Protein backbone atom coordinates (compact mmCIF):
# COMPACT_ATOMS: atom_id res chain seq x y z
CA MET A 1 -111.59 -40.64 -56.28
CA SER A 2 -110.89 -38.20 -53.31
CA ASP A 3 -113.72 -37.27 -50.80
CA LYS A 4 -112.76 -34.17 -51.79
CA ARG A 5 -114.70 -34.55 -55.04
CA ARG A 6 -117.39 -36.79 -54.20
CA ARG A 7 -120.55 -36.07 -53.55
CA GLY A 8 -122.15 -36.33 -49.79
CA LEU A 9 -125.19 -38.27 -48.64
CA ARG A 10 -125.56 -37.77 -45.13
CA VAL A 11 -127.33 -40.17 -43.00
CA ALA A 12 -129.36 -40.14 -40.01
CA ILE A 13 -129.90 -43.35 -38.18
CA LEU A 14 -132.81 -43.44 -35.47
CA ASP A 15 -132.72 -45.93 -32.78
CA LEU A 16 -135.11 -46.60 -31.37
CA TYR A 17 -134.41 -50.51 -29.50
CA LYS A 18 -133.76 -48.16 -26.15
CA GLY A 19 -130.22 -49.80 -25.39
CA GLU A 20 -131.36 -53.26 -25.45
CA PRO A 21 -129.47 -55.30 -27.45
CA ASN A 22 -131.18 -56.40 -31.18
CA GLN A 23 -130.11 -56.78 -34.85
CA GLY A 24 -131.35 -54.10 -36.37
CA MET A 25 -128.91 -51.27 -35.94
CA ARG A 26 -126.46 -53.52 -37.38
CA CYS A 27 -128.50 -54.82 -40.44
CA ILE A 28 -128.90 -50.64 -40.97
CA ARG A 29 -125.47 -50.30 -40.27
CA GLN A 30 -123.89 -52.66 -42.41
CA HIS A 31 -126.29 -51.99 -45.36
CA LEU A 32 -124.72 -48.33 -45.54
CA THR A 33 -121.18 -49.98 -45.95
CA GLU A 34 -122.13 -51.90 -48.30
CA ALA A 35 -124.16 -48.96 -50.06
CA ALA A 36 -120.86 -46.89 -49.83
CA GLU A 37 -118.96 -49.86 -51.62
CA ARG A 38 -121.62 -49.54 -54.10
CA HIS A 39 -121.42 -46.18 -55.09
CA PRO A 40 -117.70 -45.69 -54.96
CA ASP A 41 -118.58 -41.80 -56.19
CA VAL A 42 -120.69 -40.69 -52.78
CA ARG A 43 -119.28 -40.00 -49.24
CA PHE A 44 -121.57 -41.50 -46.84
CA ASP A 45 -121.70 -39.47 -43.73
CA VAL A 46 -123.61 -41.70 -41.05
CA THR A 47 -124.70 -40.62 -37.81
CA GLU A 48 -126.75 -42.17 -35.12
CA PHE A 49 -129.19 -40.84 -32.80
CA ASP A 50 -130.28 -42.29 -29.25
CA VAL A 51 -134.01 -41.60 -29.85
CA ARG A 52 -135.58 -43.20 -26.67
CA GLY A 53 -132.46 -43.89 -24.36
CA ALA A 54 -131.40 -39.79 -25.20
CA ALA A 55 -134.54 -38.13 -26.33
CA ASP A 56 -132.24 -37.20 -29.11
CA VAL A 57 -133.09 -36.42 -32.93
CA PRO A 58 -131.95 -35.14 -35.67
CA GLY A 59 -132.74 -31.72 -36.88
CA LEU A 60 -133.43 -31.60 -41.37
CA ASP A 61 -129.72 -31.08 -41.96
CA PHE A 62 -129.52 -34.74 -43.07
CA ASP A 63 -130.44 -36.20 -47.22
CA LEU A 64 -131.76 -39.87 -45.78
CA TYR A 65 -133.28 -41.21 -42.84
CA ILE A 66 -133.85 -44.92 -40.96
CA SER A 67 -135.60 -44.83 -38.42
CA SER A 68 -135.43 -48.54 -37.05
CA GLY A 69 -137.13 -51.26 -34.88
CA GLY A 70 -137.24 -51.67 -31.15
CA PRO A 71 -138.86 -53.35 -28.29
CA GLY A 72 -142.09 -52.64 -26.67
CA SER A 73 -145.57 -50.66 -26.92
CA PRO A 74 -145.78 -48.27 -29.95
CA PHE A 75 -147.46 -46.54 -26.96
CA ASP A 76 -144.95 -46.53 -24.12
CA GLY A 77 -143.62 -43.08 -25.24
CA ALA A 78 -146.63 -41.26 -24.46
CA GLY A 79 -145.99 -37.57 -22.74
CA GLN A 80 -142.47 -38.63 -22.71
CA LEU A 81 -139.73 -35.76 -24.37
CA TRP A 82 -138.37 -38.42 -26.72
CA GLU A 83 -141.94 -39.15 -28.55
CA LYS A 84 -142.42 -35.48 -28.37
CA ARG A 85 -139.35 -34.28 -29.93
CA TYR A 86 -139.94 -37.61 -32.62
CA PHE A 87 -143.38 -36.10 -33.94
CA ALA A 88 -142.10 -33.04 -33.81
CA TRP A 89 -138.97 -34.15 -36.01
CA LEU A 90 -141.82 -36.38 -38.36
CA ASP A 91 -143.54 -32.83 -38.53
CA ALA A 92 -140.37 -31.35 -39.75
CA VAL A 93 -139.23 -33.45 -42.38
CA TRP A 94 -142.97 -34.07 -43.64
CA ALA A 95 -143.32 -30.06 -43.82
CA HIS A 96 -139.57 -29.95 -45.51
CA ASN A 97 -140.63 -32.12 -48.51
CA ARG A 98 -144.34 -30.34 -49.04
CA GLY A 99 -141.91 -26.91 -49.57
CA GLY A 100 -139.84 -27.70 -52.19
CA ALA A 101 -136.01 -28.68 -53.00
CA GLY A 102 -134.36 -30.58 -51.40
CA LYS A 103 -136.06 -33.56 -50.22
CA LYS A 104 -135.48 -35.43 -46.91
CA HIS A 105 -135.58 -39.17 -47.40
CA LEU A 106 -137.34 -41.46 -44.90
CA LEU A 107 -137.29 -45.22 -43.82
CA SER A 108 -138.93 -46.27 -41.31
CA ILE A 109 -139.15 -49.73 -40.00
CA CYS A 110 -141.49 -51.23 -38.28
CA HIS A 111 -142.03 -49.85 -34.62
CA SER A 112 -140.84 -46.71 -36.35
CA PHE A 113 -143.86 -47.38 -38.84
CA GLN A 114 -146.34 -48.12 -35.92
CA LEU A 115 -145.12 -44.79 -34.74
CA MET A 116 -146.01 -42.96 -37.94
CA CYS A 117 -149.07 -44.24 -38.62
CA ILE A 118 -150.31 -43.74 -34.97
CA HIS A 119 -148.92 -39.55 -35.59
CA PHE A 120 -150.32 -39.27 -38.98
CA ASP A 121 -153.29 -41.24 -37.88
CA LEU A 122 -153.72 -43.40 -40.86
CA ALA A 123 -154.13 -46.57 -39.54
CA ASP A 124 -155.27 -48.31 -35.56
CA VAL A 125 -152.01 -49.35 -34.46
CA VAL A 126 -153.23 -52.56 -31.76
CA PRO A 127 -151.90 -55.71 -29.66
CA ARG A 128 -151.46 -58.58 -32.28
CA LYS A 129 -153.02 -62.42 -30.60
CA SER A 130 -150.27 -63.75 -30.77
CA GLY A 131 -146.69 -61.97 -31.59
CA SER A 132 -145.85 -62.65 -35.45
CA PHE A 133 -142.23 -64.08 -35.31
CA GLY A 134 -140.32 -65.48 -38.65
CA VAL A 135 -139.30 -64.86 -42.15
CA LEU A 136 -143.33 -65.09 -43.80
CA PRO A 137 -144.95 -63.60 -47.00
CA VAL A 138 -145.62 -60.07 -47.91
CA HIS A 139 -148.42 -59.51 -50.18
CA LEU A 140 -148.39 -56.48 -52.81
CA THR A 141 -151.42 -54.68 -53.00
CA GLU A 142 -151.61 -52.97 -57.09
CA GLU A 143 -150.21 -49.80 -55.58
CA GLY A 144 -147.62 -52.18 -54.27
CA LEU A 145 -146.54 -53.92 -57.41
CA ALA A 146 -146.27 -49.75 -59.24
CA ASP A 147 -143.92 -48.92 -56.51
CA PRO A 148 -140.64 -48.08 -57.41
CA VAL A 149 -139.47 -50.11 -54.74
CA LEU A 150 -141.64 -52.91 -53.61
CA SER A 151 -142.00 -53.78 -57.00
CA ALA A 152 -138.68 -54.89 -57.69
CA LEU A 153 -140.00 -57.99 -55.55
CA PRO A 154 -141.60 -60.84 -56.61
CA ASP A 155 -145.49 -60.75 -55.33
CA PRO A 156 -145.52 -62.82 -52.54
CA PHE A 157 -141.96 -61.75 -51.22
CA TYR A 158 -140.73 -62.83 -48.09
CA GLY A 159 -139.99 -60.81 -44.88
CA ALA A 160 -138.03 -61.11 -41.29
CA ASP A 161 -141.02 -60.36 -39.45
CA PHE A 162 -140.86 -60.14 -35.19
CA ARG A 163 -143.69 -57.67 -33.46
CA GLU A 164 -146.24 -57.87 -30.89
CA TRP A 165 -148.79 -54.91 -32.30
CA GLN A 166 -149.54 -54.59 -36.03
CA VAL A 167 -151.16 -52.04 -38.10
CA VAL A 168 -154.25 -52.97 -38.90
CA ARG A 169 -157.65 -51.06 -40.43
CA PRO A 170 -156.26 -48.66 -42.84
CA LYS A 171 -157.73 -45.30 -41.94
CA HIS A 172 -158.68 -43.60 -45.57
CA ASP A 173 -159.96 -40.45 -45.67
CA SER A 174 -156.42 -40.09 -43.33
CA ILE A 175 -154.69 -41.52 -46.34
CA GLN A 176 -156.17 -39.64 -48.90
CA SER A 177 -155.41 -36.55 -47.23
CA LEU A 178 -152.03 -36.93 -46.87
CA GLY A 179 -151.78 -38.90 -50.77
CA ALA A 180 -150.03 -42.11 -48.61
CA ARG A 181 -151.11 -45.83 -50.80
CA LEU A 182 -151.37 -49.03 -48.98
CA LEU A 183 -148.22 -51.23 -50.68
CA ALA A 184 -148.46 -54.48 -49.18
CA ILE A 185 -150.35 -56.63 -46.58
CA GLU A 186 -149.94 -59.61 -44.87
CA LYS A 187 -150.40 -63.34 -46.01
CA GLU A 188 -153.93 -64.52 -45.58
CA ARG A 189 -155.82 -67.02 -43.57
CA PRO A 190 -159.26 -68.12 -44.32
CA HIS A 191 -159.15 -69.85 -41.67
CA VAL A 192 -158.55 -67.08 -38.82
CA PRO A 193 -160.90 -64.94 -38.26
CA LEU A 194 -158.61 -61.64 -37.73
CA GLU A 195 -157.66 -58.88 -39.59
CA ARG A 196 -154.80 -58.56 -42.10
CA ALA A 197 -151.95 -56.20 -41.17
CA VAL A 198 -150.36 -53.76 -43.09
CA MET A 199 -146.62 -54.30 -43.99
CA ALA A 200 -145.86 -51.13 -45.93
CA MET A 201 -147.05 -47.78 -47.01
CA ARG A 202 -145.36 -45.15 -48.62
CA ILE A 203 -146.84 -41.79 -46.66
CA SER A 204 -145.48 -39.71 -49.40
CA PRO A 205 -142.19 -40.07 -52.89
CA GLU A 206 -139.73 -39.82 -50.32
CA ILE A 207 -141.01 -41.83 -46.74
CA LEU A 208 -141.56 -45.47 -46.95
CA GLY A 209 -143.07 -46.94 -43.63
CA THR A 210 -142.04 -51.25 -43.25
CA GLN A 211 -143.86 -53.23 -40.75
CA PHE A 212 -141.25 -55.71 -41.47
CA HIS A 213 -138.13 -55.28 -41.51
CA PRO A 214 -136.29 -54.99 -44.56
CA GLU A 215 -132.89 -54.63 -42.74
CA ALA A 216 -132.55 -58.22 -41.66
CA ASP A 217 -129.10 -60.07 -43.06
CA PRO A 218 -129.51 -63.88 -43.86
CA GLU A 219 -126.70 -64.64 -42.71
CA GLY A 220 -126.24 -62.33 -39.90
CA MET A 221 -129.23 -63.96 -38.43
CA HIS A 222 -129.42 -67.69 -39.38
CA ALA A 223 -126.16 -67.71 -37.01
CA HIS A 224 -128.14 -65.72 -34.48
CA PHE A 225 -130.81 -68.15 -34.65
CA SER A 226 -128.01 -70.82 -35.16
CA THR A 227 -127.24 -70.03 -30.96
CA PRO A 228 -127.54 -72.66 -28.26
CA GLU A 229 -129.26 -70.58 -25.97
CA LEU A 230 -131.91 -68.85 -29.48
CA ARG A 231 -132.69 -71.95 -31.10
CA GLU A 232 -133.38 -73.53 -27.52
CA LYS A 233 -135.35 -70.29 -26.68
CA THR A 234 -137.40 -70.34 -29.81
CA VAL A 235 -138.26 -74.06 -30.17
CA SER A 236 -139.36 -73.98 -26.36
CA LYS A 237 -141.72 -71.12 -27.29
CA HIS A 238 -142.42 -71.51 -30.76
CA GLY A 239 -141.95 -75.35 -31.31
CA LEU A 240 -139.25 -77.51 -33.94
CA ASP A 241 -140.87 -76.52 -36.86
CA LYS A 242 -141.44 -73.64 -36.60
CA TYR A 243 -137.48 -73.37 -36.00
CA GLU A 244 -136.96 -75.01 -38.73
CA GLU A 245 -138.65 -73.08 -40.99
CA ILE A 246 -137.21 -69.91 -39.99
CA LEU A 247 -133.87 -71.30 -40.69
CA PHE A 248 -134.65 -72.25 -44.28
CA ARG A 249 -135.98 -69.30 -45.29
CA MET A 250 -133.19 -67.06 -43.72
CA SER A 251 -131.09 -69.86 -46.17
CA ASP A 252 -133.05 -70.18 -49.30
CA PRO A 253 -131.29 -67.41 -51.93
CA GLY A 254 -135.20 -66.64 -53.01
CA SER A 255 -136.61 -65.15 -50.10
CA LEU A 256 -134.39 -63.03 -47.06
CA SER A 257 -131.96 -63.27 -48.89
CA ARG A 258 -133.97 -61.19 -51.96
CA THR A 259 -135.24 -58.55 -49.72
CA TYR A 260 -132.32 -58.18 -48.16
CA SER A 261 -130.20 -58.07 -51.17
CA THR A 262 -133.09 -55.83 -53.29
CA PHE A 263 -135.47 -53.05 -50.85
CA ILE A 264 -132.74 -51.13 -49.09
CA PRO A 265 -129.99 -51.44 -51.88
CA GLU A 266 -133.22 -49.92 -54.08
CA PHE A 267 -134.06 -47.57 -51.93
CA ILE A 268 -131.05 -46.04 -51.19
CA ARG A 269 -130.05 -45.78 -55.55
CA GLN A 270 -133.44 -43.93 -55.00
CA VAL A 271 -132.73 -41.12 -53.61
CA VAL A 272 -128.86 -41.54 -54.97
CA SER A 273 -129.79 -41.21 -58.14
CA GLY A 274 -131.87 -38.60 -57.57
CA ARG A 275 -129.15 -35.79 -56.10
CA ASN A 276 -127.33 -36.20 -59.69
């Protein structure tokens, strides 16, 4: 089918990595390449925006937005131009979707999810007592079990989780006011007197946020963690057992591979099918 005859899907990737080396952007690009192969009748037109480095944000002329993870504190941008523009863009997407046709779909990942929770006052965003690092179980809530995307995953499922901050203490008045849904939480640890973090929330039918990294590519991540430099760094900081557990979860077809092949592909499939 020629490009002229294929339906176009305009996709914006919002890069919040501030120029730091990362695996997230590679994985997001790979998902979109694979999506184009799965949907040969759709032409994926992808544009990237350097949010934290250049204060660059998209307009409303896109169908799908994927906002990335990123380094540092989610409060680092307070008062800066990039954050003002980013929050104004979030408000514009929200207002547009409340207005009628031509919905704009958004997936916010990790750092972006924390920013969204801060901006919409959905929960507290606080530093973790110790960083989360690995491929860890994520537990679905009752609403998560019924969610169009997460219901395709087992309970629990495994997600790549690398963060120094966390979303806790959901603000139920704000959640109810927006019509948001709490979809997933981190594993229960009865021996640890700490709150369970929010791992996924649907802000609206079109907007989904995750604390974990659904884009994480198991093969690429396995190769990345197998490099001598990262092996030494991980073992030194987290121990050999944690390092071997990470490699196992990355190679286990029932762990990270299942999340990779299910979450974002299903999210994109629903965007595409909704535009038929």
